[in-house]
Protein backbone atom coordinates (compact mmCIF):
# COMPACT_ATOMS: atom_id res chain seq x y z
CA UNK A 1 103.57 154.31 127.27
CA UNK A 2 104.38 152.57 123.91
CA UNK A 3 106.32 149.40 124.19
CA UNK A 4 108.67 148.57 121.22
CA UNK A 5 111.20 145.74 121.01
CA UNK A 6 113.93 145.08 118.46
CA UNK A 7 113.48 141.71 116.63
CA UNK A 8 116.70 140.04 116.05
CA UNK A 9 115.62 137.97 112.97
CA UNK A 10 113.40 138.54 110.01
CA UNK A 11 112.86 137.50 106.46
CA UNK A 12 112.92 139.75 103.60
CA UNK A 13 109.28 138.92 102.76
CA UNK A 14 108.29 139.81 106.31
CA UNK A 15 109.69 143.18 105.98
CA UNK A 16 108.11 143.70 102.52
CA UNK A 17 104.71 142.82 103.92
CA UNK A 18 105.08 145.51 106.53
CA UNK A 19 106.25 148.05 103.90
CA UNK A 20 103.20 146.93 101.73
CA UNK A 21 100.79 147.20 104.70
CA UNK A 22 102.08 150.69 105.68
CA UNK A 23 102.28 151.89 102.01
CA UNK A 24 98.60 150.92 101.54
CA UNK A 25 97.68 152.77 104.81
CA UNK A 26 99.19 155.95 103.29
CA UNK A 27 102.34 156.26 105.31
CA UNK A 28 105.46 157.76 103.51
CA UNK A 29 108.66 155.77 102.57
CA UNK A 30 110.65 157.71 105.16
CA UNK A 31 108.10 157.07 107.98
CA UNK A 32 107.91 153.44 106.95
CA UNK A 33 111.84 153.28 107.20
CA UNK A 34 111.80 154.80 110.69
CA UNK A 35 109.17 152.22 111.86
CA UNK A 36 111.16 149.38 110.52
CA UNK A 37 114.40 150.66 112.22
CA UNK A 38 112.45 150.96 115.61
CA UNK A 39 111.24 147.38 115.48
CA UNK A 40 113.80 145.50 113.49
CA UNK A 41 117.00 147.54 114.23
CA UNK A 42 119.11 149.60 111.90
CA UNK A 43 120.28 146.84 109.73
CA UNK A 44 116.77 146.02 108.45
CA UNK A 45 116.79 147.93 105.13
CA UNK A 46 118.02 151.19 103.71
CA UNK A 47 115.78 154.21 103.25
CA UNK A 48 116.27 154.12 99.40
CA UNK A 49 115.26 150.38 99.27
CA UNK A 50 112.08 151.16 101.33
CA UNK A 51 111.20 153.86 98.79
CA UNK A 52 111.90 151.70 95.88
CA UNK A 53 109.56 148.91 97.30
CA UNK A 54 106.95 151.78 97.75
CA UNK A 55 107.31 152.77 94.17
CA UNK A 56 107.04 149.08 93.07
CA UNK A 57 103.80 148.56 94.94
CA UNK A 58 102.65 151.89 93.39
CA UNK A 59 103.28 150.39 90.07
CA UNK A 60 101.04 147.49 90.71
CA UNK A 61 103.07 144.88 91.95
CA UNK A 62 101.15 142.52 94.52
CA UNK A 63 103.57 139.91 95.56
CA UNK A 64 106.39 140.31 98.24
CA UNK A 65 108.43 137.20 97.26
CA UNK A 66 111.36 137.33 95.08
CA UNK A 67 110.74 137.00 91.43
CA UNK A 68 112.89 134.30 89.88
CA UNK A 69 116.03 135.99 88.13
CA UNK A 70 117.48 134.84 84.87
CA UNK A 71 120.84 133.05 84.81
CA UNK A 72 121.90 129.86 86.18
CA UNK A 73 122.10 129.31 90.01
CA UNK A 74 125.29 128.82 91.68
CA UNK A 75 125.06 125.00 92.50
CA UNK A 76 128.88 123.79 91.72
CA UNK A 77 130.51 124.75 94.96
CA UNK A 78 128.07 123.00 97.21
CA UNK A 79 129.46 120.90 100.33
CA UNK A 80 128.35 117.83 98.53
CA UNK A 81 130.66 118.66 95.37
CA UNK A 82 133.52 119.77 97.56
CA UNK A 83 133.29 116.34 99.25
CA UNK A 84 133.12 114.52 96.03
CA UNK A 85 136.16 116.40 94.51
CA UNK A 86 138.25 115.53 97.70
CA UNK A 87 137.31 111.89 97.46
CA UNK A 88 138.22 111.83 93.88
CA UNK A 89 141.56 113.48 94.51
CA UNK A 90 142.37 111.22 97.39
CA UNK A 91 141.40 108.15 95.26
CA UNK A 92 143.58 109.28 92.12
CA UNK A 93 146.13 112.04 92.83
CA UNK A 94 146.88 112.40 89.18
CA UNK A 95 143.35 113.27 88.25
CA UNK A 96 143.02 116.47 86.16
CA UNK A 97 140.73 119.40 86.71
CA UNK A 98 138.88 118.72 83.41
CA UNK A 99 138.37 115.11 84.64
CA UNK A 100 136.88 116.38 87.87
CA UNK A 101 134.77 118.90 86.00
CA UNK A 102 133.47 116.38 83.57
CA UNK A 103 132.68 113.75 86.02
CA UNK A 104 130.58 116.29 88.28
CA UNK A 105 129.10 118.29 85.41
CA UNK A 106 130.76 121.55 86.49
CA UNK A 107 132.74 124.12 84.71
CA UNK A 108 136.59 123.91 84.60
CA UNK A 109 136.69 127.18 86.59
CA UNK A 110 134.37 125.89 89.38
CA UNK A 111 136.50 122.70 89.59
CA UNK A 112 139.75 124.78 89.76
CA UNK A 113 138.10 126.82 92.55
CA UNK A 114 137.11 123.85 94.58
CA UNK A 115 140.56 122.24 94.33
CA UNK A 116 142.77 125.32 94.69
CA UNK A 117 140.76 127.76 96.78
CA UNK A 118 138.53 125.70 99.04
CA UNK A 119 140.46 122.33 99.37
CA UNK A 120 143.82 123.99 98.98
CA UNK A 121 145.40 121.31 96.82
CA UNK A 122 148.43 122.04 94.40
CA UNK A 123 149.83 120.00 91.68
CA UNK A 124 153.23 118.76 92.40
CA UNK A 125 155.09 116.52 89.90
CA UNK A 126 151.73 115.63 88.30
CA UNK A 127 149.81 114.77 91.55
CA UNK A 128 147.85 116.60 93.96
CA UNK A 129 149.31 117.46 97.19
CA UNK A 130 147.55 119.40 100.15
CA UNK A 131 149.42 122.65 100.76
CA UNK A 132 151.19 122.68 104.07
CA UNK A 133 153.53 125.15 105.97
CA UNK A 134 157.05 125.35 104.53
CA UNK A 135 159.15 122.46 105.94
CA UNK A 136 162.95 122.98 106.00
CA UNK A 137 165.15 121.04 103.73
CA UNK A 138 166.72 118.07 105.64
CA UNK A 139 170.32 118.74 106.49
CA UNK A 140 173.21 116.71 107.51
CA UNK A 141 176.70 117.17 108.52
CA UNK A 142 179.49 116.32 105.97
CA UNK A 143 182.94 117.57 106.66
CA UNK A 144 181.79 120.07 108.97
CA UNK A 145 179.38 121.77 106.73
CA UNK A 146 175.64 121.91 106.62
CA UNK A 147 174.40 120.83 103.21
CA UNK A 148 170.67 120.87 102.25
CA UNK A 149 169.52 117.33 101.31
CA UNK A 150 168.27 118.39 97.78
CA UNK A 151 171.71 119.71 96.94
CA UNK A 152 173.38 116.42 97.54
CA UNK A 153 171.53 114.46 94.86
CA UNK A 154 172.56 116.47 91.71
CA UNK A 155 174.71 114.89 89.03
CA UNK A 156 177.05 117.65 88.92
CA UNK A 157 177.59 120.31 91.61
CA UNK A 158 175.81 123.60 91.30
CA UNK A 159 177.46 126.99 91.91
CA UNK A 160 176.12 126.76 95.59
CA UNK A 161 177.57 123.34 96.02
CA UNK A 162 180.87 124.33 94.79
CA UNK A 163 180.89 127.29 97.14
CA UNK A 164 180.28 124.80 100.02
CA UNK A 165 183.29 122.80 99.05
CA UNK A 166 181.65 119.71 97.93
CA UNK A 167 183.75 117.54 95.55
CA UNK A 168 181.91 116.16 92.39
CA UNK A 169 183.23 112.64 93.41
CA UNK A 170 181.21 112.80 96.75
CA UNK A 171 177.88 113.20 94.82
CA UNK A 172 175.75 110.22 94.11
CA UNK A 173 175.81 109.12 90.37
CA UNK A 174 171.95 109.03 89.88
CA UNK A 175 169.69 112.11 90.26
CA UNK A 176 166.54 111.68 92.53
CA UNK A 177 163.90 114.42 93.38
CA UNK A 178 162.95 112.82 96.87
CA UNK A 179 164.44 114.32 100.07
CA UNK A 180 167.42 112.44 101.79
CA UNK A 181 166.11 110.16 104.57
CA UNK A 182 167.90 109.50 107.86
CA UNK A 183 168.98 106.15 106.60
CA UNK A 184 170.64 107.68 103.54
CA UNK A 185 172.28 110.24 105.64
CA UNK A 186 173.90 107.54 107.88
CA UNK A 187 174.93 105.64 104.76
CA UNK A 188 176.69 108.46 103.21
CA UNK A 189 178.37 109.40 106.71
CA UNK A 190 179.67 105.74 106.81
CA UNK A 191 181.25 106.14 103.33
CA UNK A 192 179.17 103.62 101.69
CA UNK A 193 178.30 99.84 102.21
CA UNK A 194 180.27 98.05 104.97
C-alpha cells in the first residue's frame, strides 16, 4: 500500500524542483500536477502554471529560483517606516506629508498611504489627529432647551439657533472653535461672574 501525506508548507523553489525532476523523467504536465496535489494539497500550483514551468524547462532554463524583476521593490511601507512616521507626527502634529516623505526618502503617495490608511491620522485645523469614533457634541440645558455646545459660541445666531429660541444677547462675544467645558457650562448657567 502506498503511503502519501499532505505537506502543510512548502516553498516555490521546492515545488519547481519537483516539477523539473519529473519533467526530466518524462512525466507530462498534467501528471506532474496530479502528483503535486497528492503530496502538497490542492493549493500548491495550478495545472496551467505547472505546464508553463515544463515549457520553461524545455526552453533550456536550469534554475528554479525567481529571476530578479525590473522595477523598484516596495520598501516604503515597512514597519520601521510606519513607526518613524508615527513618531514624527507625535513629535510635531503640524508636519506635512511632503516633510515626512522627504525625511524618510519615500514618495508623497507612500507617505500619504502610511499616514491616512495605516496609521489612520487626519488633518484637523492644520494638525494631525487620530480618527476616533464620533463623539456627540457637548450639550447643556439653557432655558429648558438642549443646545449643542458648538452652537453656543457663534458671534451671531444661525438659523438653527434662532429656531431654538436663543437670543443674540445670550451668546458670547468672542468666537471659539473649542467645545464647551463643564466649567464654562456652569459659568453660563450662573449668568456670569459672581
